[in-house]
N, C-alpha and C. Protein backbone atom coordinates (compact mmCIF):
# COMPACT_ATOMS: atom_id res chain seq x y z
N MET A 1 22.63 77.26 7.07
CA MET A 1 21.29 77.50 7.58
C MET A 1 20.25 77.13 6.53
N GLN A 2 20.56 77.42 5.26
CA GLN A 2 19.62 77.09 4.19
C GLN A 2 19.44 75.58 4.07
N LYS A 3 20.54 74.85 4.22
CA LYS A 3 20.46 73.39 4.12
C LYS A 3 19.62 72.82 5.26
N PHE A 4 19.79 73.39 6.45
CA PHE A 4 19.02 72.95 7.62
C PHE A 4 17.53 73.21 7.41
N LEU A 5 17.17 74.40 6.95
CA LEU A 5 15.77 74.73 6.72
C LEU A 5 15.18 73.91 5.57
N SER A 6 15.97 73.65 4.54
CA SER A 6 15.46 72.84 3.43
C SER A 6 15.24 71.40 3.88
N SER A 7 16.07 70.92 4.82
CA SER A 7 15.88 69.58 5.36
C SER A 7 14.57 69.48 6.13
N ILE A 8 14.28 70.49 6.92
CA ILE A 8 13.02 70.51 7.68
C ILE A 8 11.83 70.64 6.74
N LEU A 9 11.92 71.51 5.77
CA LEU A 9 10.83 71.71 4.81
C LEU A 9 10.57 70.45 3.99
N ALA A 10 11.63 69.80 3.53
CA ALA A 10 11.47 68.57 2.75
C ALA A 10 10.88 67.45 3.59
N ALA A 11 11.28 67.34 4.84
CA ALA A 11 10.73 66.31 5.72
C ALA A 11 9.26 66.57 6.00
N THR A 12 8.90 67.82 6.25
CA THR A 12 7.50 68.16 6.50
C THR A 12 6.64 67.87 5.28
N ALA A 13 7.08 68.35 4.13
CA ALA A 13 6.32 68.13 2.89
C ALA A 13 6.27 66.65 2.53
N GLY A 14 7.37 65.94 2.75
CA GLY A 14 7.40 64.52 2.43
C GLY A 14 6.46 63.70 3.29
N LEU A 15 6.42 63.99 4.58
CA LEU A 15 5.51 63.26 5.46
C LEU A 15 4.06 63.60 5.13
N TRP A 16 3.79 64.86 4.82
CA TRP A 16 2.43 65.25 4.45
C TRP A 16 2.01 64.55 3.16
N LEU A 17 2.88 64.56 2.16
CA LEU A 17 2.58 63.93 0.88
C LEU A 17 2.43 62.41 1.04
N ALA A 18 3.24 61.82 1.88
CA ALA A 18 3.16 60.38 2.10
C ALA A 18 1.83 59.97 2.72
N THR A 19 1.30 60.80 3.63
CA THR A 19 0.02 60.45 4.24
C THR A 19 -1.12 60.56 3.24
N ILE A 20 -0.92 61.35 2.20
CA ILE A 20 -1.95 61.46 1.16
C ILE A 20 -1.85 60.30 0.17
N ILE A 21 -0.62 59.93 -0.21
CA ILE A 21 -0.41 58.96 -1.28
C ILE A 21 -0.31 57.52 -0.79
N VAL A 22 0.41 57.29 0.29
CA VAL A 22 0.74 55.93 0.73
C VAL A 22 -0.39 55.37 1.59
N PRO A 23 -0.92 54.20 1.19
CA PRO A 23 -1.94 53.56 2.04
C PRO A 23 -1.33 53.16 3.39
N HIS A 24 -2.06 53.32 4.43
CA HIS A 24 -1.71 52.96 5.81
C HIS A 24 -0.71 53.92 6.46
N ALA A 25 -0.17 54.87 5.74
CA ALA A 25 0.65 55.91 6.37
C ALA A 25 -0.32 57.01 6.77
N GLN A 26 -0.37 57.30 8.05
CA GLN A 26 -1.38 58.25 8.51
C GLN A 26 -0.92 59.05 9.71
N VAL A 27 -1.55 60.18 9.86
CA VAL A 27 -1.33 61.04 11.02
C VAL A 27 -2.67 61.25 11.69
N ASN A 28 -2.72 60.96 12.96
CA ASN A 28 -3.94 61.15 13.75
C ASN A 28 -3.66 62.13 14.86
N ILE A 29 -4.62 62.99 15.13
CA ILE A 29 -4.51 63.90 16.26
C ILE A 29 -5.46 63.38 17.34
N TYR A 30 -4.90 63.17 18.51
CA TYR A 30 -5.69 62.67 19.62
C TYR A 30 -6.09 63.83 20.52
N GLN A 31 -7.06 63.58 21.36
CA GLN A 31 -7.56 64.62 22.25
C GLN A 31 -6.48 65.11 23.20
N ASP A 32 -5.56 64.21 23.58
CA ASP A 32 -4.49 64.60 24.50
C ASP A 32 -3.15 64.80 23.80
N SER A 33 -3.17 65.04 22.49
CA SER A 33 -1.92 65.29 21.75
C SER A 33 -1.30 66.60 22.21
N ASN A 34 -0.05 66.51 22.63
CA ASN A 34 0.67 67.72 23.03
C ASN A 34 2.16 67.50 22.86
N PHE A 35 2.88 68.58 22.88
CA PHE A 35 4.33 68.54 22.79
C PHE A 35 4.87 69.41 23.89
N PHE A 36 5.37 68.79 24.95
CA PHE A 36 5.88 69.49 26.13
C PHE A 36 4.89 70.52 26.65
N GLY A 37 3.63 70.14 26.74
CA GLY A 37 2.61 71.02 27.29
C GLY A 37 1.88 71.87 26.27
N PHE A 38 2.40 71.97 25.06
CA PHE A 38 1.71 72.73 24.02
C PHE A 38 0.72 71.81 23.33
N ILE A 39 -0.56 72.15 23.42
CA ILE A 39 -1.62 71.31 22.88
C ILE A 39 -1.63 71.40 21.36
N ILE A 40 -1.71 70.23 20.72
CA ILE A 40 -1.75 70.15 19.26
C ILE A 40 -3.19 69.85 18.86
N THR A 41 -3.79 70.79 18.13
CA THR A 41 -5.19 70.64 17.74
C THR A 41 -5.38 70.60 16.23
N GLN A 42 -4.39 71.01 15.46
CA GLN A 42 -4.52 71.07 14.00
C GLN A 42 -3.53 70.11 13.35
N SER A 43 -3.89 69.60 12.17
CA SER A 43 -3.00 68.66 11.50
C SER A 43 -1.70 69.33 11.05
N TRP A 44 -1.74 70.61 10.68
CA TRP A 44 -0.51 71.27 10.25
C TRP A 44 0.49 71.37 11.39
N GLN A 45 0.00 71.45 12.62
CA GLN A 45 0.90 71.52 13.77
C GLN A 45 1.67 70.22 13.94
N ILE A 46 0.98 69.09 13.80
CA ILE A 46 1.67 67.81 13.96
C ILE A 46 2.60 67.55 12.79
N PHE A 47 2.20 67.95 11.56
CA PHE A 47 3.09 67.79 10.42
C PHE A 47 4.35 68.64 10.59
N LEU A 48 4.20 69.84 11.09
CA LEU A 48 5.36 70.69 11.33
C LEU A 48 6.26 70.10 12.41
N LEU A 49 5.67 69.58 13.47
CA LEU A 49 6.44 68.95 14.53
C LEU A 49 7.17 67.71 14.02
N LEU A 50 6.48 66.88 13.25
CA LEU A 50 7.12 65.69 12.67
C LEU A 50 8.22 66.08 11.70
N GLY A 51 7.98 67.10 10.89
CA GLY A 51 8.98 67.55 9.93
C GLY A 51 10.21 68.13 10.60
N ILE A 52 10.00 68.91 11.66
CA ILE A 52 11.14 69.46 12.40
C ILE A 52 11.95 68.33 13.03
N THR A 53 11.27 67.36 13.61
CA THR A 53 11.97 66.23 14.23
C THR A 53 12.76 65.44 13.20
N LEU A 54 12.12 65.07 12.09
CA LEU A 54 12.82 64.31 11.06
C LEU A 54 13.92 65.14 10.41
N GLY A 55 13.68 66.43 10.23
CA GLY A 55 14.71 67.31 9.68
C GLY A 55 15.92 67.40 10.58
N LEU A 56 15.70 67.50 11.89
CA LEU A 56 16.81 67.53 12.85
C LEU A 56 17.59 66.22 12.83
N ILE A 57 16.86 65.12 12.77
CA ILE A 57 17.52 63.81 12.71
C ILE A 57 18.34 63.70 11.42
N ASN A 58 17.75 64.11 10.30
CA ASN A 58 18.47 64.05 9.03
C ASN A 58 19.70 64.95 9.03
N PHE A 59 19.60 66.09 9.66
CA PHE A 59 20.69 67.07 9.64
C PHE A 59 21.82 66.71 10.60
N TYR A 60 21.50 66.19 11.78
CA TYR A 60 22.52 65.95 12.78
C TYR A 60 22.93 64.47 12.92
N VAL A 61 21.99 63.56 12.86
CA VAL A 61 22.28 62.15 13.12
C VAL A 61 22.71 61.41 11.85
N LYS A 62 22.10 61.74 10.73
CA LYS A 62 22.39 61.02 9.48
C LYS A 62 23.86 61.10 9.07
N PRO A 63 24.53 62.26 9.15
CA PRO A 63 25.96 62.27 8.79
C PRO A 63 26.81 61.34 9.66
N ILE A 64 26.48 61.24 10.92
CA ILE A 64 27.22 60.35 11.83
C ILE A 64 26.98 58.90 11.43
N LEU A 65 25.72 58.55 11.16
CA LEU A 65 25.41 57.19 10.74
C LEU A 65 26.04 56.86 9.39
N ASN A 66 26.10 57.84 8.50
CA ASN A 66 26.74 57.60 7.20
C ASN A 66 28.21 57.27 7.35
N VAL A 67 28.90 57.93 8.27
CA VAL A 67 30.31 57.64 8.50
C VAL A 67 30.48 56.27 9.15
N LEU A 68 29.65 55.97 10.14
CA LEU A 68 29.78 54.70 10.84
C LEU A 68 29.46 53.50 9.96
N THR A 69 28.56 53.67 9.00
CA THR A 69 28.14 52.56 8.15
C THR A 69 28.76 52.62 6.76
N LEU A 70 29.83 53.37 6.61
CA LEU A 70 30.47 53.51 5.30
C LEU A 70 30.85 52.17 4.67
N PRO A 71 31.44 51.23 5.41
CA PRO A 71 31.76 49.94 4.77
C PRO A 71 30.52 49.22 4.23
N LEU A 72 29.42 49.24 4.98
CA LEU A 72 28.19 48.61 4.50
C LEU A 72 27.63 49.32 3.28
N ARG A 73 27.74 50.65 3.27
CA ARG A 73 27.25 51.40 2.11
C ARG A 73 28.10 51.12 0.88
N ILE A 74 29.39 50.92 1.07
CA ILE A 74 30.26 50.60 -0.07
C ILE A 74 29.94 49.19 -0.58
N ILE A 75 29.80 48.23 0.32
CA ILE A 75 29.50 46.84 -0.08
C ILE A 75 28.17 46.75 -0.82
N THR A 76 27.17 47.49 -0.36
CA THR A 76 25.84 47.42 -0.97
C THR A 76 25.64 48.47 -2.06
N LEU A 77 26.71 49.14 -2.45
CA LEU A 77 26.66 50.16 -3.50
C LEU A 77 25.68 51.29 -3.17
N GLY A 78 25.63 51.66 -1.92
CA GLY A 78 24.82 52.78 -1.48
C GLY A 78 23.42 52.44 -1.03
N LEU A 79 22.99 51.22 -1.23
CA LEU A 79 21.62 50.86 -0.84
C LEU A 79 21.41 50.88 0.67
N PHE A 80 22.48 50.67 1.43
CA PHE A 80 22.33 50.71 2.89
C PHE A 80 21.99 52.11 3.37
N GLY A 81 22.32 53.12 2.59
CA GLY A 81 21.93 54.49 2.92
C GLY A 81 20.42 54.63 2.98
N PHE A 82 19.72 53.91 2.12
CA PHE A 82 18.26 53.94 2.14
C PHE A 82 17.72 53.25 3.39
N ILE A 83 18.41 52.20 3.83
CA ILE A 83 18.03 51.53 5.09
C ILE A 83 18.18 52.50 6.26
N ILE A 84 19.22 53.31 6.23
CA ILE A 84 19.42 54.33 7.27
C ILE A 84 18.25 55.32 7.25
N ASN A 85 17.85 55.75 6.05
CA ASN A 85 16.71 56.67 5.94
C ASN A 85 15.43 56.03 6.47
N MET A 86 15.23 54.75 6.16
CA MET A 86 14.05 54.06 6.67
C MET A 86 14.09 53.99 8.20
N ALA A 87 15.26 53.77 8.75
CA ALA A 87 15.39 53.71 10.21
C ALA A 87 15.06 55.05 10.85
N MET A 88 15.42 56.14 10.18
CA MET A 88 15.12 57.46 10.74
C MET A 88 13.62 57.75 10.69
N VAL A 89 12.95 57.37 9.61
CA VAL A 89 11.50 57.55 9.54
C VAL A 89 10.83 56.64 10.56
N PHE A 90 11.35 55.42 10.74
CA PHE A 90 10.81 54.53 11.76
C PHE A 90 11.00 55.12 13.15
N GLY A 91 12.12 55.80 13.36
CA GLY A 91 12.36 56.46 14.65
C GLY A 91 11.32 57.52 14.95
N VAL A 92 10.94 58.29 13.93
CA VAL A 92 9.89 59.29 14.12
C VAL A 92 8.56 58.60 14.38
N ASP A 93 8.32 57.49 13.68
CA ASP A 93 7.11 56.70 13.92
C ASP A 93 7.09 56.19 15.35
N TYR A 94 8.23 55.79 15.86
CA TYR A 94 8.32 55.28 17.23
C TYR A 94 8.16 56.39 18.26
N LEU A 95 8.70 57.56 17.99
CA LEU A 95 8.64 58.67 18.95
C LEU A 95 7.25 59.28 19.08
N PHE A 96 6.50 59.35 17.99
CA PHE A 96 5.21 60.02 17.98
C PHE A 96 4.11 59.02 17.67
N ARG A 97 3.18 58.88 18.59
CA ARG A 97 2.08 57.96 18.34
C ARG A 97 1.10 58.53 17.33
N GLU A 98 1.18 59.83 17.05
CA GLU A 98 0.29 60.45 16.07
C GLU A 98 0.64 60.06 14.64
N PHE A 99 1.88 59.67 14.39
CA PHE A 99 2.32 59.27 13.05
C PHE A 99 2.46 57.76 13.00
N SER A 100 1.95 57.17 11.93
CA SER A 100 2.02 55.72 11.80
C SER A 100 2.32 55.35 10.35
N ALA A 101 3.40 54.60 10.16
CA ALA A 101 3.73 54.00 8.87
C ALA A 101 4.06 52.53 9.17
N PRO A 102 3.03 51.71 9.40
CA PRO A 102 3.26 50.35 9.88
C PRO A 102 3.81 49.44 8.79
N LEU A 103 4.47 48.43 9.24
CA LEU A 103 5.04 47.40 8.38
C LEU A 103 6.07 47.98 7.42
N TRP A 104 6.56 47.20 6.52
CA TRP A 104 7.68 47.66 5.71
C TRP A 104 7.24 48.42 4.47
N GLN A 105 6.11 48.08 3.85
CA GLN A 105 5.71 48.78 2.62
C GLN A 105 5.37 50.25 2.82
N PRO A 106 4.50 50.60 3.76
CA PRO A 106 4.25 52.03 3.97
C PRO A 106 5.51 52.78 4.42
N LEU A 107 6.34 52.13 5.22
CA LEU A 107 7.59 52.74 5.66
C LEU A 107 8.52 52.97 4.47
N PHE A 108 8.60 51.99 3.57
CA PHE A 108 9.44 52.10 2.38
C PHE A 108 8.98 53.26 1.50
N TRP A 109 7.69 53.33 1.19
CA TRP A 109 7.18 54.38 0.29
C TRP A 109 7.26 55.75 0.95
N THR A 110 7.00 55.83 2.24
CA THR A 110 7.13 57.11 2.95
C THR A 110 8.58 57.58 2.90
N THR A 111 9.50 56.68 3.14
CA THR A 111 10.92 57.02 3.09
C THR A 111 11.32 57.46 1.69
N LEU A 112 10.82 56.78 0.67
CA LEU A 112 11.14 57.14 -0.71
C LEU A 112 10.65 58.54 -1.05
N ILE A 113 9.46 58.88 -0.61
CA ILE A 113 8.91 60.22 -0.87
C ILE A 113 9.73 61.29 -0.15
N VAL A 114 10.02 61.06 1.13
CA VAL A 114 10.81 62.03 1.90
C VAL A 114 12.20 62.17 1.29
N TRP A 115 12.81 61.05 0.89
CA TRP A 115 14.14 61.09 0.29
C TRP A 115 14.13 61.88 -1.03
N ALA A 116 13.12 61.64 -1.87
CA ALA A 116 13.04 62.34 -3.15
C ALA A 116 12.88 63.85 -2.95
N LEU A 117 12.02 64.24 -2.03
CA LEU A 117 11.85 65.67 -1.77
C LEU A 117 13.10 66.29 -1.14
N SER A 118 13.80 65.52 -0.31
CA SER A 118 15.05 66.02 0.26
C SER A 118 16.11 66.20 -0.82
N LEU A 119 16.15 65.27 -1.76
CA LEU A 119 17.10 65.37 -2.87
C LEU A 119 16.81 66.61 -3.72
N ILE A 120 15.55 66.83 -4.03
CA ILE A 120 15.16 68.00 -4.82
C ILE A 120 15.50 69.29 -4.06
N ALA A 121 15.17 69.32 -2.78
CA ALA A 121 15.44 70.52 -1.97
C ALA A 121 16.94 70.79 -1.87
N SER A 122 17.74 69.74 -1.72
CA SER A 122 19.19 69.95 -1.62
C SER A 122 19.77 70.43 -2.95
N LYS A 123 19.23 69.97 -4.06
CA LYS A 123 19.69 70.44 -5.37
C LYS A 123 19.33 71.91 -5.58
N ILE A 124 18.17 72.31 -5.10
CA ILE A 124 17.75 73.71 -5.23
C ILE A 124 18.62 74.61 -4.35
N VAL A 125 18.90 74.16 -3.12
CA VAL A 125 19.67 74.97 -2.19
C VAL A 125 21.12 75.10 -2.64
N THR A 126 21.71 74.01 -3.12
CA THR A 126 23.12 74.06 -3.51
C THR A 126 23.36 74.66 -4.88
N ASN A 127 22.30 74.91 -5.61
CA ASN A 127 22.43 75.53 -6.94
C ASN A 127 22.82 76.98 -6.77
N ASP A 128 23.97 77.37 -7.32
CA ASP A 128 24.43 78.75 -7.21
C ASP A 128 23.73 79.61 -8.27
N HIS A 129 23.22 80.74 -7.83
CA HIS A 129 22.56 81.69 -8.74
C HIS A 129 23.41 82.91 -8.96
N HIS A 130 24.70 82.81 -8.68
CA HIS A 130 25.59 83.95 -8.85
C HIS A 130 26.03 84.07 -10.31
N GLU A 131 26.15 85.26 -10.75
CA GLU A 131 26.58 85.48 -12.15
C GLU A 131 27.94 86.07 -12.19
């Protein structure tokens, strides 16, 4: 459960940080923005929704993709794993019109930020504090 929550938190924080740092990566709230009938009026609501979506994708879909693409990841010495991460961020970009990371550079930097925060969060969660 901690790993799942850290994945959502890292995705939310990463997307928020990316919209601040990365040029052309942006989140817009439209007048008709909603999620299954729930009206979205604040930026924190859309960031939380995007983070939950990306966190769920990272938690459930990424392990399956990692197994399926294992030969490619071995051949490329793990770099194909980053392509998988970029595809997941692109999937969130495709699903939500409120989030935009167009072209490859903003997508690359957004993915790098989300990946770095996910790595930090996973190191914190897996660190045992037992004595």
